[in-house]
ModelCIF file with pLDDT and N, C-alpha, C, O atoms, coordinates in Angstrom:
data_MODEL
#
_entry.id   MODEL 
#
_entity.id                         1 
_entity.type                       polymer 
_entity.pdbx_number_of_molecules   1 
#
_entity_poly.entity_id                      1 
_entity_poly.type                           'polypeptide(L)' 
_entity_poly.nstd_linkage                   no 
_entity_poly.nstd_monomer                   no 
_entity_poly.pdbx_seq_one_letter_code       
;(UNK)(UNK)(UNK)(UNK)(UNK)(UNK)(UNK)(UNK)(UNK)(UNK)(UNK)(UNK)(UNK)(UNK)(UNK)(UNK)
(UNK)(UNK)(UNK)(UNK)(UNK)(UNK)(UNK)(UNK)(UNK)(UNK)(UNK)(UNK)(UNK)(UNK)(UNK)(UNK)
(UNK)(UNK)(UNK)(UNK)(UNK)(UNK)(UNK)(UNK)(UNK)(UNK)(UNK)(UNK)(UNK)(UNK)
;
_entity_poly.pdbx_seq_one_letter_code_can   XXXXXXXXXXXXXXXXXXXXXXXXXXXXXXXXXXXXXXXXXXXXXX 
_entity_poly.pdbx_strand_id                 A 
#
loop_
_entity_poly_seq.entity_id 
_entity_poly_seq.num 
_entity_poly_seq.mon_id 
_entity_poly_seq.hetero 
1 1  UNK n 
1 2  UNK n 
1 3  UNK n 
1 4  UNK n 
1 5  UNK n 
1 6  UNK n 
1 7  UNK n 
1 8  UNK n 
1 9  UNK n 
1 10 UNK n 
1 11 UNK n 
1 12 UNK n 
1 13 UNK n 
1 14 UNK n 
1 15 UNK n 
1 16 UNK n 
1 17 UNK n 
1 18 UNK n 
1 19 UNK n 
1 20 UNK n 
1 21 UNK n 
1 22 UNK n 
1 23 UNK n 
1 24 UNK n 
1 25 UNK n 
1 26 UNK n 
1 27 UNK n 
1 28 UNK n 
1 29 UNK n 
1 30 UNK n 
1 31 UNK n 
1 32 UNK n 
1 33 UNK n 
1 34 UNK n 
1 35 UNK n 
1 36 UNK n 
1 37 UNK n 
1 38 UNK n 
1 39 UNK n 
1 40 UNK n 
1 41 UNK n 
1 42 UNK n 
1 43 UNK n 
1 44 UNK n 
1 45 UNK n 
1 46 UNK n 
#
_struct_asym.id          A 
_struct_asym.entity_id   1 
#
loop_
_ma_qa_metric.id 
_ma_qa_metric.mode 
_ma_qa_metric.name 
_ma_qa_metric.software_group_id 
_ma_qa_metric.type 
1 global pLDDT . pLDDT 
2 local  pLDDT . pLDDT 
#
_ma_qa_metric_global.metric_id      1 
_ma_qa_metric_global.metric_value   95.63 
_ma_qa_metric_global.model_id       1 
_ma_qa_metric_global.ordinal_id     1 
#
loop_
_ma_qa_metric_local.label_asym_id 
_ma_qa_metric_local.label_comp_id 
_ma_qa_metric_local.label_seq_id 
_ma_qa_metric_local.metric_id 
_ma_qa_metric_local.metric_value 
_ma_qa_metric_local.model_id 
_ma_qa_metric_local.ordinal_id 
A UNK 1  2 95.00 1 1  
A UNK 2  2 96.00 1 2  
A UNK 3  2 96.00 1 3  
A UNK 4  2 96.00 1 4  
A UNK 5  2 97.00 1 5  
A UNK 6  2 97.00 1 6  
A UNK 7  2 96.00 1 7  
A UNK 8  2 96.00 1 8  
A UNK 9  2 96.00 1 9  
A UNK 10 2 96.00 1 10 
A UNK 11 2 95.00 1 11 
A UNK 12 2 94.00 1 12 
A UNK 13 2 95.00 1 13 
A UNK 14 2 95.00 1 14 
A UNK 15 2 95.00 1 15 
A UNK 16 2 93.00 1 16 
A UNK 17 2 96.00 1 17 
A UNK 18 2 98.00 1 18 
A UNK 19 2 98.00 1 19 
A UNK 20 2 97.00 1 20 
A UNK 21 2 97.00 1 21 
A UNK 22 2 94.00 1 22 
A UNK 23 2 89.00 1 23 
A UNK 24 2 87.00 1 24 
A UNK 25 2 91.00 1 25 
A UNK 26 2 95.00 1 26 
A UNK 27 2 96.00 1 27 
A UNK 28 2 97.00 1 28 
A UNK 29 2 98.00 1 29 
A UNK 30 2 97.00 1 30 
A UNK 31 2 96.00 1 31 
A UNK 32 2 96.00 1 32 
A UNK 33 2 94.00 1 33 
A UNK 34 2 94.00 1 34 
A UNK 35 2 91.00 1 35 
A UNK 36 2 97.00 1 36 
A UNK 37 2 97.00 1 37 
A UNK 38 2 98.00 1 38 
A UNK 39 2 98.00 1 39 
A UNK 40 2 97.00 1 40 
A UNK 41 2 96.00 1 41 
A UNK 42 2 96.00 1 42 
A UNK 43 2 97.00 1 43 
A UNK 44 2 98.00 1 44 
A UNK 45 2 98.00 1 45 
A UNK 46 2 98.00 1 46 
#
loop_
_atom_site.group_PDB 
_atom_site.id 
_atom_site.type_symbol 
_atom_site.label_atom_id 
_atom_site.label_alt_id 
_atom_site.label_comp_id 
_atom_site.label_asym_id 
_atom_site.label_entity_id 
_atom_site.label_seq_id 
_atom_site.pdbx_PDB_ins_code 
_atom_site.Cartn_x 
_atom_site.Cartn_y 
_atom_site.Cartn_z 
_atom_site.occupancy 
_atom_site.B_iso_or_equiv 
_atom_site.pdbx_formal_charge 
_atom_site.auth_seq_id 
_atom_site.auth_comp_id 
_atom_site.auth_asym_id 
_atom_site.auth_atom_id 
_atom_site.pdbx_PDB_model_num 
ATOM 1   N N  . UNK A 1 1  ? 16.007 -11.465 -21.130 1.00 95.00 ? 1  UNK A N  1 
ATOM 2   C CA . UNK A 1 1  ? 15.779 -11.497 -22.575 1.00 95.00 ? 1  UNK A CA 1 
ATOM 3   C C  . UNK A 1 1  ? 15.549 -12.927 -23.046 1.00 95.00 ? 1  UNK A C  1 
ATOM 4   O O  . UNK A 1 1  ? 14.684 -13.172 -23.886 1.00 95.00 ? 1  UNK A O  1 
ATOM 5   N N  . UNK A 1 2  ? 16.313 -13.867 -22.515 1.00 96.00 ? 2  UNK A N  1 
ATOM 6   C CA . UNK A 1 2  ? 16.125 -15.280 -22.878 1.00 96.00 ? 2  UNK A CA 1 
ATOM 7   C C  . UNK A 1 2  ? 14.718 -15.731 -22.523 1.00 96.00 ? 2  UNK A C  1 
ATOM 8   O O  . UNK A 1 2  ? 14.074 -16.455 -23.283 1.00 96.00 ? 2  UNK A O  1 
ATOM 9   N N  . UNK A 1 3  ? 14.250 -15.299 -21.366 1.00 96.00 ? 3  UNK A N  1 
ATOM 10  C CA . UNK A 1 3  ? 12.902 -15.673 -20.932 1.00 96.00 ? 3  UNK A CA 1 
ATOM 11  C C  . UNK A 1 3  ? 11.840 -15.052 -21.842 1.00 96.00 ? 3  UNK A C  1 
ATOM 12  O O  . UNK A 1 3  ? 10.866 -15.711 -22.206 1.00 96.00 ? 3  UNK A O  1 
ATOM 13  N N  . UNK A 1 4  ? 12.033 -13.776 -22.210 1.00 96.00 ? 4  UNK A N  1 
ATOM 14  C CA . UNK A 1 4  ? 11.085 -13.110 -23.104 1.00 96.00 ? 4  UNK A CA 1 
ATOM 15  C C  . UNK A 1 4  ? 11.027 -13.800 -24.465 1.00 96.00 ? 4  UNK A C  1 
ATOM 16  O O  . UNK A 1 4  ? 9.947  -14.049 -25.001 1.00 96.00 ? 4  UNK A O  1 
ATOM 17  N N  . UNK A 1 5  ? 12.189 -14.103 -25.011 1.00 97.00 ? 5  UNK A N  1 
ATOM 18  C CA . UNK A 1 5  ? 12.241 -14.752 -26.322 1.00 97.00 ? 5  UNK A CA 1 
ATOM 19  C C  . UNK A 1 5  ? 11.650 -16.155 -26.254 1.00 97.00 ? 5  UNK A C  1 
ATOM 20  O O  . UNK A 1 5  ? 10.938 -16.586 -27.161 1.00 97.00 ? 5  UNK A O  1 
ATOM 21  N N  . UNK A 1 6  ? 11.955 -16.860 -25.168 1.00 97.00 ? 6  UNK A N  1 
ATOM 22  C CA . UNK A 1 6  ? 11.375 -18.199 -25.006 1.00 97.00 ? 6  UNK A CA 1 
ATOM 23  C C  . UNK A 1 6  ? 9.858  -18.133 -25.009 1.00 97.00 ? 6  UNK A C  1 
ATOM 24  O O  . UNK A 1 6  ? 9.203  -18.950 -25.657 1.00 97.00 ? 6  UNK A O  1 
ATOM 25  N N  . UNK A 1 7  ? 9.293  -17.171 -24.292 1.00 96.00 ? 7  UNK A N  1 
ATOM 26  C CA . UNK A 1 7  ? 7.835  -17.025 -24.264 1.00 96.00 ? 7  UNK A CA 1 
ATOM 27  C C  . UNK A 1 7  ? 7.298  -16.753 -25.665 1.00 96.00 ? 7  UNK A C  1 
ATOM 28  O O  . UNK A 1 7  ? 6.292  -17.332 -26.073 1.00 96.00 ? 7  UNK A O  1 
ATOM 29  N N  . UNK A 1 8  ? 7.972  -15.872 -26.399 1.00 96.00 ? 8  UNK A N  1 
ATOM 30  C CA . UNK A 1 8  ? 7.552  -15.540 -27.765 1.00 96.00 ? 8  UNK A CA 1 
ATOM 31  C C  . UNK A 1 8  ? 7.575  -16.770 -28.672 1.00 96.00 ? 8  UNK A C  1 
ATOM 32  O O  . UNK A 1 8  ? 6.624  -17.008 -29.417 1.00 96.00 ? 8  UNK A O  1 
ATOM 33  N N  . UNK A 1 9  ? 8.654  -17.550 -28.611 1.00 96.00 ? 9  UNK A N  1 
ATOM 34  C CA . UNK A 1 9  ? 8.777  -18.706 -29.507 1.00 96.00 ? 9  UNK A CA 1 
ATOM 35  C C  . UNK A 1 9  ? 7.826  -19.827 -29.088 1.00 96.00 ? 9  UNK A C  1 
ATOM 36  O O  . UNK A 1 9  ? 7.305  -20.546 -29.941 1.00 96.00 ? 9  UNK A O  1 
ATOM 37  N N  . UNK A 1 10 ? 7.597  -19.979 -27.792 1.00 96.00 ? 10 UNK A N  1 
ATOM 38  C CA . UNK A 1 10 ? 6.617  -20.973 -27.343 1.00 96.00 ? 10 UNK A CA 1 
ATOM 39  C C  . UNK A 1 10 ? 5.236  -20.659 -27.915 1.00 96.00 ? 10 UNK A C  1 
ATOM 40  O O  . UNK A 1 10 ? 4.518  -21.563 -28.342 1.00 96.00 ? 10 UNK A O  1 
ATOM 41  N N  . UNK A 1 11 ? 4.865  -19.375 -27.922 1.00 95.00 ? 11 UNK A N  1 
ATOM 42  C CA . UNK A 1 11 ? 3.587  -18.980 -28.507 1.00 95.00 ? 11 UNK A CA 1 
ATOM 43  C C  . UNK A 1 11 ? 3.601  -19.158 -30.023 1.00 95.00 ? 11 UNK A C  1 
ATOM 44  O O  . UNK A 1 11 ? 2.611  -19.593 -30.611 1.00 95.00 ? 11 UNK A O  1 
ATOM 45  N N  . UNK A 1 12 ? 4.715  -18.824 -30.646 1.00 94.00 ? 12 UNK A N  1 
ATOM 46  C CA . UNK A 1 12 ? 4.841  -18.900 -32.100 1.00 94.00 ? 12 UNK A CA 1 
ATOM 47  C C  . UNK A 1 12 ? 4.735  -20.333 -32.613 1.00 94.00 ? 12 UNK A C  1 
ATOM 48  O O  . UNK A 1 12 ? 4.119  -20.588 -33.647 1.00 94.00 ? 12 UNK A O  1 
ATOM 49  N N  . UNK A 1 13 ? 5.340  -21.258 -31.884 1.00 95.00 ? 13 UNK A N  1 
ATOM 50  C CA . UNK A 1 13 ? 5.445  -22.639 -32.354 1.00 95.00 ? 13 UNK A CA 1 
ATOM 51  C C  . UNK A 1 13 ? 4.421  -23.585 -31.744 1.00 95.00 ? 13 UNK A C  1 
ATOM 52  O O  . UNK A 1 13 ? 4.167  -24.662 -32.283 1.00 95.00 ? 13 UNK A O  1 
ATOM 53  N N  . UNK A 1 14 ? 3.833  -23.187 -30.622 1.00 95.00 ? 14 UNK A N  1 
ATOM 54  C CA . UNK A 1 14 ? 2.923  -24.077 -29.916 1.00 95.00 ? 14 UNK A CA 1 
ATOM 55  C C  . UNK A 1 14 ? 3.638  -25.124 -29.088 1.00 95.00 ? 14 UNK A C  1 
ATOM 56  O O  . UNK A 1 14 ? 3.002  -26.014 -28.522 1.00 95.00 ? 14 UNK A O  1 
ATOM 57  N N  . UNK A 1 15 ? 4.973  -25.021 -29.011 1.00 95.00 ? 15 UNK A N  1 
ATOM 58  C CA . UNK A 1 15 ? 5.731  -25.970 -28.192 1.00 95.00 ? 15 UNK A CA 1 
ATOM 59  C C  . UNK A 1 15 ? 5.559  -25.646 -26.706 1.00 95.00 ? 15 UNK A C  1 
ATOM 60  O O  . UNK A 1 15 ? 5.130  -24.550 -26.344 1.00 95.00 ? 15 UNK A O  1 
ATOM 61  N N  . UNK A 1 16 ? 5.896  -26.601 -25.867 1.00 93.00 ? 16 UNK A N  1 
ATOM 62  C CA . UNK A 1 16 ? 5.857  -26.378 -24.417 1.00 93.00 ? 16 UNK A CA 1 
ATOM 63  C C  . UNK A 1 16 ? 7.259  -26.295 -23.819 1.00 93.00 ? 16 UNK A C  1 
ATOM 64  O O  . UNK A 1 16 ? 7.441  -25.840 -22.690 1.00 93.00 ? 16 UNK A O  1 
ATOM 65  N N  . UNK A 1 17 ? 8.262  -26.751 -24.611 1.00 96.00 ? 17 UNK A N  1 
ATOM 66  C CA . UNK A 1 17 ? 9.645  -26.720 -24.143 1.00 96.00 ? 17 UNK A CA 1 
ATOM 67  C C  . UNK A 1 17 ? 10.541 -26.263 -25.292 1.00 96.00 ? 17 UNK A C  1 
ATOM 68  O O  . UNK A 1 17 ? 10.230 -26.491 -26.461 1.00 96.00 ? 17 UNK A O  1 
ATOM 69  N N  . UNK A 1 18 ? 11.663 -25.609 -24.946 1.00 98.00 ? 18 UNK A N  1 
ATOM 70  C CA . UNK A 1 18 ? 12.602 -25.127 -25.947 1.00 98.00 ? 18 UNK A CA 1 
ATOM 71  C C  . UNK A 1 18 ? 14.026 -25.461 -25.564 1.00 98.00 ? 18 UNK A C  1 
ATOM 72  O O  . UNK A 1 18 ? 14.374 -25.537 -24.386 1.00 98.00 ? 18 UNK A O  1 
ATOM 73  N N  . UNK A 1 19 ? 14.848 -25.660 -26.594 1.00 98.00 ? 19 UNK A N  1 
ATOM 74  C CA . UNK A 1 19 ? 16.300 -25.813 -26.454 1.00 98.00 ? 19 UNK A CA 1 
ATOM 75  C C  . UNK A 1 19 ? 16.927 -24.600 -27.129 1.00 98.00 ? 19 UNK A C  1 
ATOM 76  O O  . UNK A 1 19 ? 16.794 -24.422 -28.340 1.00 98.00 ? 19 UNK A O  1 
ATOM 77  N N  . UNK A 1 20 ? 17.607 -23.770 -26.350 1.00 97.00 ? 20 UNK A N  1 
ATOM 78  C CA . UNK A 1 20 ? 18.182 -22.515 -26.831 1.00 97.00 ? 20 UNK A CA 1 
ATOM 79  C C  . UNK A 1 20 ? 19.698 -22.600 -26.723 1.00 97.00 ? 20 UNK A C  1 
ATOM 80  O O  . UNK A 1 20 ? 20.227 -23.007 -25.688 1.00 97.00 ? 20 UNK A O  1 
ATOM 81  N N  . UNK A 1 21 ? 20.396 -22.219 -27.785 1.00 97.00 ? 21 UNK A N  1 
ATOM 82  C CA . UNK A 1 21 ? 21.859 -22.195 -27.728 1.00 97.00 ? 21 UNK A CA 1 
ATOM 83  C C  . UNK A 1 21 ? 22.330 -20.745 -27.631 1.00 97.00 ? 21 UNK A C  1 
ATOM 84  O O  . UNK A 1 21 ? 21.759 -19.852 -28.257 1.00 97.00 ? 21 UNK A O  1 
ATOM 85  N N  . UNK A 1 22 ? 23.386 -20.525 -26.831 1.00 94.00 ? 22 UNK A N  1 
ATOM 86  C CA . UNK A 1 22 ? 23.964 -19.200 -26.613 1.00 94.00 ? 22 UNK A CA 1 
ATOM 87  C C  . UNK A 1 22 ? 25.461 -19.360 -26.399 1.00 94.00 ? 22 UNK A C  1 
ATOM 88  O O  . UNK A 1 22 ? 25.973 -20.475 -26.305 1.00 94.00 ? 22 UNK A O  1 
ATOM 89  N N  . UNK A 1 23 ? 26.154 -18.228 -26.323 1.00 89.00 ? 23 UNK A N  1 
ATOM 90  C CA . UNK A 1 23 ? 27.572 -18.255 -25.957 1.00 89.00 ? 23 UNK A CA 1 
ATOM 91  C C  . UNK A 1 23 ? 27.754 -18.898 -24.587 1.00 89.00 ? 23 UNK A C  1 
ATOM 92  O O  . UNK A 1 23 ? 28.769 -19.543 -24.324 1.00 89.00 ? 23 UNK A O  1 
ATOM 93  N N  . UNK A 1 24 ? 26.777 -18.719 -23.730 1.00 87.00 ? 24 UNK A N  1 
ATOM 94  C CA . UNK A 1 24 ? 26.784 -19.297 -22.384 1.00 87.00 ? 24 UNK A CA 1 
ATOM 95  C C  . UNK A 1 24 ? 26.704 -20.824 -22.434 1.00 87.00 ? 24 UNK A C  1 
ATOM 96  O O  . UNK A 1 24 ? 27.172 -21.504 -21.520 1.00 87.00 ? 24 UNK A O  1 
ATOM 97  N N  . UNK A 1 25 ? 26.111 -21.358 -23.502 1.00 91.00 ? 25 UNK A N  1 
ATOM 98  C CA . UNK A 1 25 ? 25.921 -22.793 -23.624 1.00 91.00 ? 25 UNK A CA 1 
ATOM 99  C C  . UNK A 1 25 ? 24.474 -23.110 -23.932 1.00 91.00 ? 25 UNK A C  1 
ATOM 100 O O  . UNK A 1 25 ? 23.717 -22.232 -24.346 1.00 91.00 ? 25 UNK A O  1 
ATOM 101 N N  . UNK A 1 26 ? 24.084 -24.357 -23.735 1.00 95.00 ? 26 UNK A N  1 
ATOM 102 C CA . UNK A 1 26 ? 22.717 -24.790 -24.005 1.00 95.00 ? 26 UNK A CA 1 
ATOM 103 C C  . UNK A 1 26 ? 21.812 -24.427 -22.832 1.00 95.00 ? 26 UNK A C  1 
ATOM 104 O O  . UNK A 1 26 ? 22.101 -24.754 -21.681 1.00 95.00 ? 26 UNK A O  1 
ATOM 105 N N  . UNK A 1 27 ? 20.717 -23.747 -23.146 1.00 96.00 ? 27 UNK A N  1 
ATOM 106 C CA . UNK A 1 27 ? 19.736 -23.359 -22.148 1.00 96.00 ? 27 UNK A CA 1 
ATOM 107 C C  . UNK A 1 27 ? 18.400 -23.997 -22.504 1.00 96.00 ? 27 UNK A C  1 
ATOM 108 O O  . UNK A 1 27 ? 18.115 -24.254 -23.674 1.00 96.00 ? 27 UNK A O  1 
ATOM 109 N N  . UNK A 1 28 ? 17.591 -24.247 -21.491 1.00 97.00 ? 28 UNK A N  1 
ATOM 110 C CA . UNK A 1 28 ? 16.301 -24.897 -21.712 1.00 97.00 ? 28 UNK A CA 1 
ATOM 111 C C  . UNK A 1 28 ? 15.205 -24.072 -21.044 1.00 97.00 ? 28 UNK A C  1 
ATOM 112 O O  . UNK A 1 28 ? 15.393 -23.530 -19.954 1.00 97.00 ? 28 UNK A O  1 
ATOM 113 N N  . UNK A 1 29 ? 14.070 -23.987 -21.709 1.00 98.00 ? 29 UNK A N  1 
ATOM 114 C CA . UNK A 1 29 ? 12.977 -23.158 -21.217 1.00 98.00 ? 29 UNK A CA 1 
ATOM 115 C C  . UNK A 1 29 ? 11.659 -23.895 -21.351 1.00 98.00 ? 29 UNK A C  1 
ATOM 116 O O  . UNK A 1 29 ? 11.512 -24.782 -22.193 1.00 98.00 ? 29 UNK A O  1 
ATOM 117 N N  . UNK A 1 30 ? 10.695 -23.520 -20.511 1.00 97.00 ? 30 UNK A N  1 
ATOM 118 C CA . UNK A 1 30 ? 9.343  -24.078 -20.638 1.00 97.00 ? 30 UNK A CA 1 
ATOM 119 C C  . UNK A 1 30 ? 8.325  -23.104 -20.071 1.00 97.00 ? 30 UNK A C  1 
ATOM 120 O O  . UNK A 1 30 ? 8.651  -22.208 -19.293 1.00 97.00 ? 30 UNK A O  1 
ATOM 121 N N  . UNK A 1 31 ? 7.098  -23.304 -20.481 1.00 96.00 ? 31 UNK A N  1 
ATOM 122 C CA . UNK A 1 31 ? 5.974  -22.519 -19.978 1.00 96.00 ? 31 UNK A CA 1 
ATOM 123 C C  . UNK A 1 31 ? 5.691  -22.970 -18.548 1.00 96.00 ? 31 UNK A C  1 
ATOM 124 O O  . UNK A 1 31 ? 5.444  -24.151 -18.304 1.00 96.00 ? 31 UNK A O  1 
ATOM 125 N N  . UNK A 1 32 ? 5.727  -22.024 -17.601 1.00 96.00 ? 32 UNK A N  1 
ATOM 126 C CA . UNK A 1 32 ? 5.509  -22.361 -16.193 1.00 96.00 ? 32 UNK A CA 1 
ATOM 127 C C  . UNK A 1 32 ? 4.068  -22.143 -15.765 1.00 96.00 ? 32 UNK A C  1 
ATOM 128 O O  . UNK A 1 32 ? 3.731  -22.365 -14.602 1.00 96.00 ? 32 UNK A O  1 
ATOM 129 N N  . UNK A 1 33 ? 3.204  -21.710 -16.693 1.00 94.00 ? 33 UNK A N  1 
ATOM 130 C CA . UNK A 1 33 ? 1.809  -21.471 -16.357 1.00 94.00 ? 33 UNK A CA 1 
ATOM 131 C C  . UNK A 1 33 ? 1.597  -20.121 -15.709 1.00 94.00 ? 33 UNK A C  1 
ATOM 132 O O  . UNK A 1 33 ? 2.550  -19.491 -15.252 1.00 94.00 ? 33 UNK A O  1 
ATOM 133 N N  . UNK A 1 34 ? 0.359  -19.673 -15.666 1.00 94.00 ? 34 UNK A N  1 
ATOM 134 C CA . UNK A 1 34 ? -0.024 -18.395 -15.053 1.00 94.00 ? 34 UNK A CA 1 
ATOM 135 C C  . UNK A 1 34 ? 0.747  -17.219 -15.638 1.00 94.00 ? 34 UNK A C  1 
ATOM 136 O O  . UNK A 1 34 ? 1.037  -16.254 -14.932 1.00 94.00 ? 34 UNK A O  1 
ATOM 137 N N  . UNK A 1 35 ? 1.081  -17.294 -16.933 1.00 91.00 ? 35 UNK A N  1 
ATOM 138 C CA . UNK A 1 35 ? 1.782  -16.196 -17.580 1.00 91.00 ? 35 UNK A CA 1 
ATOM 139 C C  . UNK A 1 35 ? 3.267  -16.131 -17.289 1.00 91.00 ? 35 UNK A C  1 
ATOM 140 O O  . UNK A 1 35 ? 3.921  -15.146 -17.631 1.00 91.00 ? 35 UNK A O  1 
ATOM 141 N N  . UNK A 1 36 ? 3.812  -17.165 -16.663 1.00 97.00 ? 36 UNK A N  1 
ATOM 142 C CA . UNK A 1 36 ? 5.228  -17.175 -16.290 1.00 97.00 ? 36 UNK A CA 1 
ATOM 143 C C  . UNK A 1 36 ? 6.013  -18.112 -17.210 1.00 97.00 ? 36 UNK A C  1 
ATOM 144 O O  . UNK A 1 36 ? 5.480  -19.096 -17.723 1.00 97.00 ? 36 UNK A O  1 
ATOM 145 N N  . UNK A 1 37 ? 7.285  -17.785 -17.403 1.00 97.00 ? 37 UNK A N  1 
ATOM 146 C CA . UNK A 1 37 ? 8.183  -18.612 -18.198 1.00 97.00 ? 37 UNK A CA 1 
ATOM 147 C C  . UNK A 1 37 ? 9.419  -18.932 -17.377 1.00 97.00 ? 37 UNK A C  1 
ATOM 148 O O  . UNK A 1 37 ? 9.955  -18.067 -16.686 1.00 97.00 ? 37 UNK A O  1 
ATOM 149 N N  . UNK A 1 38 ? 9.873  -20.188 -17.456 1.00 98.00 ? 38 UNK A N  1 
ATOM 150 C CA . UNK A 1 38 ? 11.063 -20.629 -16.728 1.00 98.00 ? 38 UNK A CA 1 
ATOM 151 C C  . UNK A 1 38 ? 12.190 -20.924 -17.704 1.00 98.00 ? 38 UNK A C  1 
ATOM 152 O O  . UNK A 1 38 ? 11.977 -21.517 -18.762 1.00 98.00 ? 38 UNK A O  1 
ATOM 153 N N  . UNK A 1 39 ? 13.392 -20.500 -17.334 1.00 98.00 ? 39 UNK A N  1 
ATOM 154 C CA . UNK A 1 39 ? 14.587 -20.783 -18.126 1.00 98.00 ? 39 UNK A CA 1 
ATOM 155 C C  . UNK A 1 39 ? 15.663 -21.330 -17.200 1.00 98.00 ? 39 UNK A C  1 
ATOM 156 O O  . UNK A 1 39 ? 15.896 -20.795 -16.116 1.00 98.00 ? 39 UNK A O  1 
ATOM 157 N N  . UNK A 1 40 ? 16.315 -22.396 -17.635 1.00 97.00 ? 40 UNK A N  1 
ATOM 158 C CA . UNK A 1 40 ? 17.477 -22.924 -16.926 1.00 97.00 ? 40 UNK A CA 1 
ATOM 159 C C  . UNK A 1 40 ? 18.702 -22.189 -17.449 1.00 97.00 ? 40 UNK A C  1 
ATOM 160 O O  . UNK A 1 40 ? 19.091 -22.377 -18.601 1.00 97.00 ? 40 UNK A O  1 
ATOM 161 N N  . UNK A 1 41 ? 19.317 -21.349 -16.610 1.00 96.00 ? 41 UNK A N  1 
ATOM 162 C CA . UNK A 1 41 ? 20.449 -20.522 -17.031 1.00 96.00 ? 41 UNK A CA 1 
ATOM 163 C C  . UNK A 1 41 ? 21.782 -21.249 -16.892 1.00 96.00 ? 41 UNK A C  1 
ATOM 164 O O  . UNK A 1 41 ? 22.840 -20.641 -17.054 1.00 96.00 ? 41 UNK A O  1 
ATOM 165 N N  . UNK A 1 42 ? 21.739 -22.542 -16.594 1.00 96.00 ? 42 UNK A N  1 
ATOM 166 C CA . UNK A 1 42 ? 22.961 -23.324 -16.514 1.00 96.00 ? 42 UNK A CA 1 
ATOM 167 C C  . UNK A 1 42 ? 23.603 -23.264 -15.140 1.00 96.00 ? 42 UNK A C  1 
ATOM 168 O O  . UNK A 1 42 ? 23.147 -22.543 -14.253 1.00 96.00 ? 42 UNK A O  1 
ATOM 169 N N  . UNK A 1 43 ? 24.667 -24.034 -14.980 1.00 97.00 ? 43 UNK A N  1 
ATOM 170 C CA . UNK A 1 43 ? 25.368 -24.086 -13.692 1.00 97.00 ? 43 UNK A CA 1 
ATOM 171 C C  . UNK A 1 43 ? 26.179 -22.818 -13.483 1.00 97.00 ? 43 UNK A C  1 
ATOM 172 O O  . UNK A 1 43 ? 26.757 -22.301 -14.439 1.00 97.00 ? 43 UNK A O  1 
ATOM 173 N N  . UNK A 1 44 ? 26.239 -22.299 -12.250 1.00 98.00 ? 44 UNK A N  1 
ATOM 174 C CA . UNK A 1 44 ? 27.073 -21.129 -11.992 1.00 98.00 ? 44 UNK A CA 1 
ATOM 175 C C  . UNK A 1 44 ? 28.546 -21.497 -12.072 1.00 98.00 ? 44 UNK A C  1 
ATOM 176 O O  . UNK A 1 44 ? 28.927 -22.625 -11.762 1.00 98.00 ? 44 UNK A O  1 
ATOM 177 N N  . UNK A 1 45 ? 29.366 -20.551 -12.486 1.00 98.00 ? 45 UNK A N  1 
ATOM 178 C CA . UNK A 1 45 ? 30.815 -20.718 -12.501 1.00 98.00 ? 45 UNK A CA 1 
ATOM 179 C C  . UNK A 1 45 ? 31.373 -20.003 -11.277 1.00 98.00 ? 45 UNK A C  1 
ATOM 180 O O  . UNK A 1 45 ? 31.113 -18.818 -11.065 1.00 98.00 ? 45 UNK A O  1 
ATOM 181 N N  . UNK A 1 46 ? 32.142 -20.733 -10.475 1.00 98.00 ? 46 UNK A N  1 
ATOM 182 C CA . UNK A 1 46 ? 32.537 -20.225 -9.163  1.00 98.00 ? 46 UNK A CA 1 
ATOM 183 C C  . UNK A 1 46 ? 34.042 -20.064 -8.986  1.00 98.00 ? 46 UNK A C  1 
ATOM 184 O O  . UNK A 1 46 ? 34.496 -19.643 -7.922  1.00 98.00 ? 46 UNK A O  1 
#
């Protein structure tokens, strides 16, 4: 869902990178090209 929303907002705003806040913490997303979107889901908790 974060990836889908990031893609939507990137198209909406014309930005290439996003800073997204969630309960999980700060996440970052960017357009990866070829119709793909990348999101940094943060460090795993172990």
